[in-house]
Amino acid sequence: MRILIVGASGTIGRAVGEALSPRHEVVRAGKTRGDHRVDIASRASIERLFAAVGPLDAVVSAAGEARFGPLEKLTDEDFELSLSSKLMGQVDLVRIGIARVRDAGSFTLTTGVLAGEPTPGSAAISLVNAGLEGFVRAAALELPREIRINAVSPPWIAETLAAMGREASAGLPASRVAAAYVESVEGHRTGEILDARRFG
């Protein structure tokens, strides 16, 4: 398969690329690094990306920004960034990418456990993740040509916690999280939210 990974230079994106590249052709895209550049908060940027990469069998998104912070301190701009980047950015990857994905291809988006397991400070992120999960379930009912769509819901990533100076053992290694993306791409599921803690 020919697979586009958006957010390929991030911790999860790198691990997904390493897991898929031995068996597939992987095209990497990111905001600042990769084979192609894309800002998923910009519809025009997404359109340019798909025009440049050509036909695909799968699109994996491990991209999107969302702000974490106390509800009373989250600004309009914090919510707008979260909605335009992680939510609508990934939604637009699907909307624009439908015409670029071959028959029986797939989309895999990234949500997160904060959709259903919120913590103090996660109001914006929980909103975005829950919205994405609803979109995935609904879009699966309408995608044409047997195209599939799923989302992977990662917990905290061990490498991210370590970089923040926190206890890495409280998270899941990116290589294990990648197993859920592989299942979404290579399997037959659609309309599902894959809890990464159950894979790998």
C-alpha atoms as a PDB file:
ATOM      1  CA  MET A   1       0.000   0.000   0.000  1.00  0.00           C
ATOM      2  CA  ARG A   2       0.937   3.638  -0.481  1.00  0.00           C
ATOM      3  CA  ILE A   3       0.329   5.359   2.858  1.00  0.00           C
ATOM      4  CA  LEU A   4       0.476   9.053   3.734  1.00  0.00           C
ATOM      5  CA  ILE A   5       1.368   9.793   7.353  1.00  0.00           C
ATOM      6  CA  VAL A   6       0.566  13.354   8.429  1.00  0.00           C
ATOM      7  CA  GLY A   7       2.495  14.341  11.526  1.00  0.00           C
ATOM      8  CA  ALA A   8       5.160  11.825  10.595  1.00  0.00           C
ATOM      9  CA  SER A   9       7.962  13.562  12.494  1.00  0.00           C
ATOM     10  CA  GLY A  10       6.146  13.503  15.832  1.00  0.00           C
ATOM     11  CA  THR A  11       6.606  10.825  18.469  1.00  0.00           C
ATOM     12  CA  ILE A  12       3.588   8.781  17.375  1.00  0.00           C
ATOM     13  CA  GLY A  13       4.011   9.511  13.671  1.00  0.00           C
ATOM     14  CA  ARG A  14       7.615   8.291  13.670  1.00  0.00           C
ATOM     15  CA  ALA A  15       6.635   5.070  15.413  1.00  0.00           C
ATOM     16  CA  VAL A  16       3.775   4.466  12.966  1.00  0.00           C
ATOM     17  CA  GLY A  17       6.093   5.055  10.031  1.00  0.00           C
ATOM     18  CA  GLU A  18       8.632   2.603  11.419  1.00  0.00           C
ATOM     19  CA  ALA A  19       5.913  -0.003  11.911  1.00  0.00           C
ATOM     20  CA  LEU A  20       4.442   0.352   8.413  1.00  0.00           C
ATOM     21  CA  SER A  21       7.469   1.078   6.218  1.00  0.00           C
ATOM     22  CA  PRO A  22       8.842  -2.505   6.059  1.00  0.00           C
ATOM     23  CA  ARG A  23       5.686  -3.619   4.203  1.00  0.00           C
ATOM     24  CA  HIS A  24       4.383  -0.467   2.540  1.00  0.00           C
ATOM     25  CA  GLU A  25       5.438   2.695   0.726  1.00  0.00           C
ATOM     26  CA  VAL A  26       5.223   5.452   3.325  1.00  0.00           C
ATOM     27  CA  VAL A  27       4.940   9.121   2.354  1.00  0.00           C
ATOM     28  CA  ARG A  28       5.711  11.437   5.262  1.00  0.00           C
ATOM     29  CA  ALA A  29       4.243  14.909   5.767  1.00  0.00           C
ATOM     30  CA  GLY A  30       4.539  17.413   8.576  1.00  0.00           C
ATOM     31  CA  LYS A  31       4.339  21.067   9.435  1.00  0.00           C
ATOM     32  CA  THR A  32       8.111  21.572   9.443  1.00  0.00           C
ATOM     33  CA  ARG A  33       9.634  18.228   8.361  1.00  0.00           C
ATOM     34  CA  GLY A  34       8.951  15.303   6.051  1.00  0.00           C
ATOM     35  CA  ASP A  35       8.701  14.537   2.348  1.00  0.00           C
ATOM     36  CA  HIS A  36       5.953  17.198   2.139  1.00  0.00           C
ATOM     37  CA  ARG A  37       4.912  20.173   4.279  1.00  0.00           C
ATOM     38  CA  VAL A  38       1.354  20.725   5.475  1.00  0.00           C
ATOM     39  CA  ASP A  39      -0.466  22.865   8.018  1.00  0.00           C
ATOM     40  CA  ILE A  40      -3.683  20.969   8.688  1.00  0.00           C
ATOM     41  CA  ALA A  41      -5.313  24.091  10.114  1.00  0.00           C
ATOM     42  CA  SER A  42      -5.260  25.430   6.538  1.00  0.00           C
ATOM     43  CA  ARG A  43      -7.614  23.885   4.001  1.00  0.00           C
ATOM     44  CA  ALA A  44      -5.500  25.302   1.163  1.00  0.00           C
ATOM     45  CA  SER A  45      -2.392  23.644   2.606  1.00  0.00           C
ATOM     46  CA  ILE A  46      -4.178  20.279   2.759  1.00  0.00           C
ATOM     47  CA  GLU A  47      -5.338  20.669  -0.835  1.00  0.00           C
ATOM     48  CA  ARG A  48      -1.760  21.371  -1.949  1.00  0.00           C
ATOM     49  CA  LEU A  49      -0.540  18.301  -0.061  1.00  0.00           C
ATOM     50  CA  PHE A  50      -2.971  15.916  -1.733  1.00  0.00           C
ATOM     51  CA  ALA A  51      -2.282  17.439  -5.147  1.00  0.00           C
ATOM     52  CA  ALA A  52       1.436  16.834  -4.594  1.00  0.00           C
ATOM     53  CA  VAL A  53       1.334  13.279  -3.250  1.00  0.00           C
ATOM     54  CA  GLY A  54      -1.036  11.715  -5.787  1.00  0.00           C
ATOM     55  CA  PRO A  55      -3.151   8.569  -5.301  1.00  0.00           C
ATOM     56  CA  LEU A  56      -3.030   6.822  -1.935  1.00  0.00           C
ATOM     57  CA  ASP A  57      -4.293   3.651  -0.312  1.00  0.00           C
ATOM     58  CA  ALA A  58      -4.376   5.036   3.215  1.00  0.00           C
ATOM     59  CA  VAL A  59      -4.041   8.289   5.130  1.00  0.00           C
ATOM     60  CA  VAL A  60      -2.891   8.287   8.750  1.00  0.00           C
ATOM     61  CA  SER A  61      -3.117  11.470  10.800  1.00  0.00           C
ATOM     62  CA  ALA A  62      -1.008  11.796  13.915  1.00  0.00           C
ATOM     63  CA  ALA A  63      -1.220  15.574  13.734  1.00  0.00           C
ATOM     64  CA  GLY A  64      -3.094  18.444  15.302  1.00  0.00           C
ATOM     65  CA  GLU A  65      -2.636  20.879  18.163  1.00  0.00           C
ATOM     66  CA  ALA A  66      -4.931  21.281  21.162  1.00  0.00           C
ATOM     67  CA  ARG A  67      -4.410  23.367  24.269  1.00  0.00           C
ATOM     68  CA  PHE A  68      -4.272  22.026  27.820  1.00  0.00           C
ATOM     69  CA  GLY A  69      -4.990  24.304  30.763  1.00  0.00           C
ATOM     70  CA  PRO A  70      -7.439  25.276  33.508  1.00  0.00           C
ATOM     71  CA  LEU A  71     -10.902  25.991  32.106  1.00  0.00           C
ATOM     72  CA  GLU A  72     -11.014  29.510  33.555  1.00  0.00           C
ATOM     73  CA  LYS A  73      -7.694  30.329  31.889  1.00  0.00           C
ATOM     74  CA  LEU A  74      -8.375  28.847  28.454  1.00  0.00           C
ATOM     75  CA  THR A  75      -8.917  31.725  26.035  1.00  0.00           C
ATOM     76  CA  ASP A  76     -11.037  31.983  22.911  1.00  0.00           C
ATOM     77  CA  GLU A  77      -7.796  31.611  20.972  1.00  0.00           C
ATOM     78  CA  ASP A  78      -6.968  28.378  22.825  1.00  0.00           C
ATOM     79  CA  PHE A  79     -10.312  26.878  21.850  1.00  0.00           C
ATOM     80  CA  GLU A  80     -10.082  28.206  18.290  1.00  0.00           C
ATOM     81  CA  LEU A  81      -6.644  26.654  17.815  1.00  0.00           C
ATOM     82  CA  SER A  82      -7.806  23.317  19.201  1.00  0.00           C
ATOM     83  CA  LEU A  83     -10.890  23.291  16.988  1.00  0.00           C
ATOM     84  CA  SER A  84      -9.165  24.482  13.799  1.00  0.00           C
ATOM     85  CA  SER A  85      -6.120  22.245  14.156  1.00  0.00           C
ATOM     86  CA  LYS A  86      -6.795  18.906  15.818  1.00  0.00           C
ATOM     87  CA  LEU A  87     -10.534  18.745  15.082  1.00  0.00           C
ATOM     88  CA  MET A  88     -11.243  20.433  11.746  1.00  0.00           C
ATOM     89  CA  GLY A  89      -7.720  19.823  10.474  1.00  0.00           C
ATOM     90  CA  GLN A  90      -8.246  16.075  10.683  1.00  0.00           C
ATOM     91  CA  VAL A  91     -11.845  16.325   9.455  1.00  0.00           C
ATOM     92  CA  ASP A  92     -10.592  18.222   6.403  1.00  0.00           C
ATOM     93  CA  LEU A  93      -7.918  15.599   5.735  1.00  0.00           C
ATOM     94  CA  VAL A  94     -10.831  13.221   5.230  1.00  0.00           C
ATOM     95  CA  ARG A  95     -13.127  15.594   3.346  1.00  0.00           C
ATOM     96  CA  ILE A  96     -10.424  16.614   0.894  1.00  0.00           C
ATOM     97  CA  GLY A  97      -8.702  13.235   0.837  1.00  0.00           C
ATOM     98  CA  ILE A  98     -11.735  11.173  -0.185  1.00  0.00           C
ATOM     99  CA  ALA A  99     -11.067  11.893  -3.850  1.00  0.00           C
ATOM    100  CA  ARG A 100      -7.374  10.944  -3.465  1.00  0.00           C
ATOM    101  CA  VAL A 101      -7.830   7.609  -1.699  1.00  0.00           C
ATOM    102  CA  ARG A 102      -8.288   4.538  -3.844  1.00  0.00           C
ATOM    103  CA  ASP A 103     -11.250   2.154  -3.590  1.00  0.00           C
ATOM    104  CA  ALA A 104     -11.260   0.234  -0.278  1.00  0.00           C
ATOM    105  CA  GLY A 105      -8.658   2.619   1.139  1.00  0.00           C
ATOM    106  CA  SER A 106      -8.709   4.012   4.650  1.00  0.00           C
ATOM    107  CA  PHE A 107      -8.329   6.994   6.932  1.00  0.00           C
ATOM    108  CA  THR A 108      -6.972   6.745  10.483  1.00  0.00           C
ATOM    109  CA  LEU A 109      -7.297   9.792  12.720  1.00  0.00           C
ATOM    110  CA  THR A 110      -5.966  10.467  16.218  1.00  0.00           C
ATOM    111  CA  THR A 111      -8.144  11.276  19.216  1.00  0.00           C
ATOM    112  CA  GLY A 112      -7.081  10.465  22.778  1.00  0.00           C
ATOM    113  CA  VAL A 113      -8.321   8.963  26.017  1.00  0.00           C
ATOM    114  CA  LEU A 114      -9.227  12.412  27.351  1.00  0.00           C
ATOM    115  CA  ALA A 115     -12.399  12.165  25.243  1.00  0.00           C
ATOM    116  CA  GLY A 116     -13.845   9.707  27.728  1.00  0.00           C
ATOM    117  CA  GLU A 117     -11.449  10.036  30.656  1.00  0.00           C
ATOM    118  CA  PRO A 118     -11.077  13.793  31.181  1.00  0.00           C
ATOM    119  CA  THR A 119      -8.773  15.358  33.725  1.00  0.00           C
ATOM    120  CA  PRO A 120      -8.613  18.875  35.154  1.00  0.00           C
ATOM    121  CA  GLY A 121      -7.233  21.072  32.387  1.00  0.00           C
ATOM    122  CA  SER A 122      -8.470  18.933  29.505  1.00  0.00           C
ATOM    123  CA  ALA A 123     -11.656  20.833  28.596  1.00  0.00           C
ATOM    124  CA  ALA A 124     -10.473  21.929  25.132  1.00  0.00           C
ATOM    125  CA  ILE A 125      -8.728  18.649  24.343  1.00  0.00           C
ATOM    126  CA  SER A 126     -11.640  16.523  25.592  1.00  0.00           C
ATOM    127  CA  LEU A 127     -14.020  18.592  23.453  1.00  0.00           C
ATOM    128  CA  VAL A 128     -11.916  18.062  20.340  1.00  0.00           C
ATOM    129  CA  ASN A 129     -11.302  14.365  20.916  1.00  0.00           C
ATOM    130  CA  ALA A 130     -14.961  13.621  21.568  1.00  0.00           C
ATOM    131  CA  GLY A 131     -15.928  15.553  18.442  1.00  0.00           C
ATOM    132  CA  LEU A 132     -13.485  13.554  16.352  1.00  0.00           C
ATOM    133  CA  GLU A 133     -14.839  10.288  17.671  1.00  0.00           C
ATOM    134  CA  GLY A 134     -18.375  11.314  16.747  1.00  0.00           C
ATOM    135  CA  PHE A 135     -17.206  12.337  13.286  1.00  0.00           C
ATOM    136  CA  VAL A 136     -15.470   8.997  12.695  1.00  0.00           C
ATOM    137  CA  ARG A 137     -18.525   6.973  13.650  1.00  0.00           C
ATOM    138  CA  ALA A 138     -20.802   9.070  11.421  1.00  0.00           C
ATOM    139  CA  ALA A 139     -18.430   9.378   8.454  1.00  0.00           C
ATOM    140  CA  ALA A 140     -18.019   5.595   8.334  1.00  0.00           C
ATOM    141  CA  LEU A 141     -21.689   5.366   7.360  1.00  0.00           C
ATOM    142  CA  GLU A 142     -21.241   7.611   4.338  1.00  0.00           C
ATOM    143  CA  LEU A 143     -17.777   7.141   2.856  1.00  0.00           C
ATOM    144  CA  PRO A 144     -17.966   5.923  -0.757  1.00  0.00           C
ATOM    145  CA  ARG A 145     -16.187   3.101  -2.588  1.00  0.00           C
ATOM    146  CA  GLU A 146     -15.719   0.931   0.515  1.00  0.00           C
ATOM    147  CA  ILE A 147     -13.344   3.469   2.042  1.00  0.00           C
ATOM    148  CA  ARG A 148     -12.887   2.853   5.777  1.00  0.00           C
ATOM    149  CA  ILE A 149     -12.290   5.283   8.640  1.00  0.00           C
ATOM    150  CA  ASN A 150     -11.195   4.732  12.236  1.00  0.00           C
ATOM    151  CA  ALA A 151      -9.544   6.704  14.999  1.00  0.00           C
ATOM    152  CA  VAL A 152      -6.825   5.648  17.402  1.00  0.00           C
ATOM    153  CA  SER A 153      -7.157   6.832  20.983  1.00  0.00           C
ATOM    154  CA  PRO A 154      -3.720   6.939  22.616  1.00  0.00           C
ATOM    155  CA  PRO A 155      -3.077   7.452  26.326  1.00  0.00           C
ATOM    156  CA  TRP A 156      -0.152   9.533  27.510  1.00  0.00           C
ATOM    157  CA  ILE A 157       2.941   8.515  25.537  1.00  0.00           C
ATOM    158  CA  ALA A 158       5.896   7.328  27.611  1.00  0.00           C
ATOM    159  CA  GLU A 159       8.416   9.296  25.566  1.00  0.00           C
ATOM    160  CA  THR A 160       6.351  12.477  25.913  1.00  0.00           C
ATOM    161  CA  LEU A 161       6.116  12.081  29.682  1.00  0.00           C
ATOM    162  CA  ALA A 162       9.879  11.550  29.906  1.00  0.00           C
ATOM    163  CA  ALA A 163      10.496  14.697  27.850  1.00  0.00           C
ATOM    164  CA  MET A 164       8.255  16.603  30.277  1.00  0.00           C
ATOM    165  CA  GLY A 165      10.298  15.299  33.219  1.00  0.00           C
ATOM    166  CA  ARG A 166       7.479  13.049  34.400  1.00  0.00           C
ATOM    167  CA  GLU A 167       7.414   9.322  35.127  1.00  0.00           C
ATOM    168  CA  ALA A 168       7.558   7.537  31.767  1.00  0.00           C
ATOM    169  CA  SER A 169       6.120   4.316  33.187  1.00  0.00           C
ATOM    170  CA  ALA A 170       2.755   6.080  33.549  1.00  0.00           C
ATOM    171  CA  GLY A 171       2.477   6.150  29.758  1.00  0.00           C
ATOM    172  CA  LEU A 172       2.547   3.727  26.835  1.00  0.00           C
ATOM    173  CA  PRO A 173       5.609   3.522  24.557  1.00  0.00           C
ATOM    174  CA  ALA A 174       5.005   4.938  21.091  1.00  0.00           C
ATOM    175  CA  SER A 175       5.967   1.621  19.492  1.00  0.00           C
ATOM    176  CA  ARG A 176       3.039  -0.053  21.269  1.00  0.00           C
ATOM    177  CA  VAL A 177       0.665   2.757  20.365  1.00  0.00           C
ATOM    178  CA  ALA A 178       1.692   2.289  16.717  1.00  0.00           C
ATOM    179  CA  ALA A 179       0.215  -1.223  16.767  1.00  0.00           C
ATOM    180  CA  ALA A 180      -3.295   0.254  16.884  1.00  0.00           C
ATOM    181  CA  TYR A 181      -2.588   2.337  13.772  1.00  0.00           C
ATOM    182  CA  VAL A 182      -1.282  -0.737  11.973  1.00  0.00           C
ATOM    183  CA  GLU A 183      -4.493  -2.577  12.834  1.00  0.00           C
ATOM    184  CA  SER A 184      -6.571   0.295  11.480  1.00  0.00           C
ATOM    185  CA  VAL A 185      -4.607   0.463   8.224  1.00  0.00           C
ATOM    186  CA  GLU A 186      -4.119  -3.234   7.542  1.00  0.00           C
ATOM    187  CA  GLY A 187      -7.308  -4.609   9.095  1.00  0.00           C
ATOM    188  CA  HIS A 188     -10.959  -4.433   8.082  1.00  0.00           C
ATOM    189  CA  ARG A 189     -12.450  -2.260  10.818  1.00  0.00           C
ATOM    190  CA  THR A 190     -14.422   0.892  10.119  1.00  0.00           C
ATOM    191  CA  GLY A 191     -16.192   3.424  12.295  1.00  0.00           C
ATOM    192  CA  GLU A 192     -14.254   2.273  15.354  1.00  0.00           C
ATOM    193  CA  ILE A 193     -12.273   4.060  18.043  1.00  0.00           C
ATOM    194  CA  LEU A 194      -9.229   1.902  18.769  1.00  0.00           C
ATOM    195  CA  ASP A 195      -7.991   2.251  22.340  1.00  0.00           C
ATOM    196  CA  ALA A 196      -4.216   1.968  21.900  1.00  0.00           C
ATOM    197  CA  ARG A 197      -3.876   0.384  25.340  1.00  0.00           C
ATOM    198  CA  ARG A 198      -5.474  -2.784  23.946  1.00  0.00           C
ATOM    199  CA  PHE A 199      -2.917  -3.292  21.178  1.00  0.00           C
ATOM    200  CA  GLY A 200       0.769  -4.019  20.905  1.00  0.00           C
END
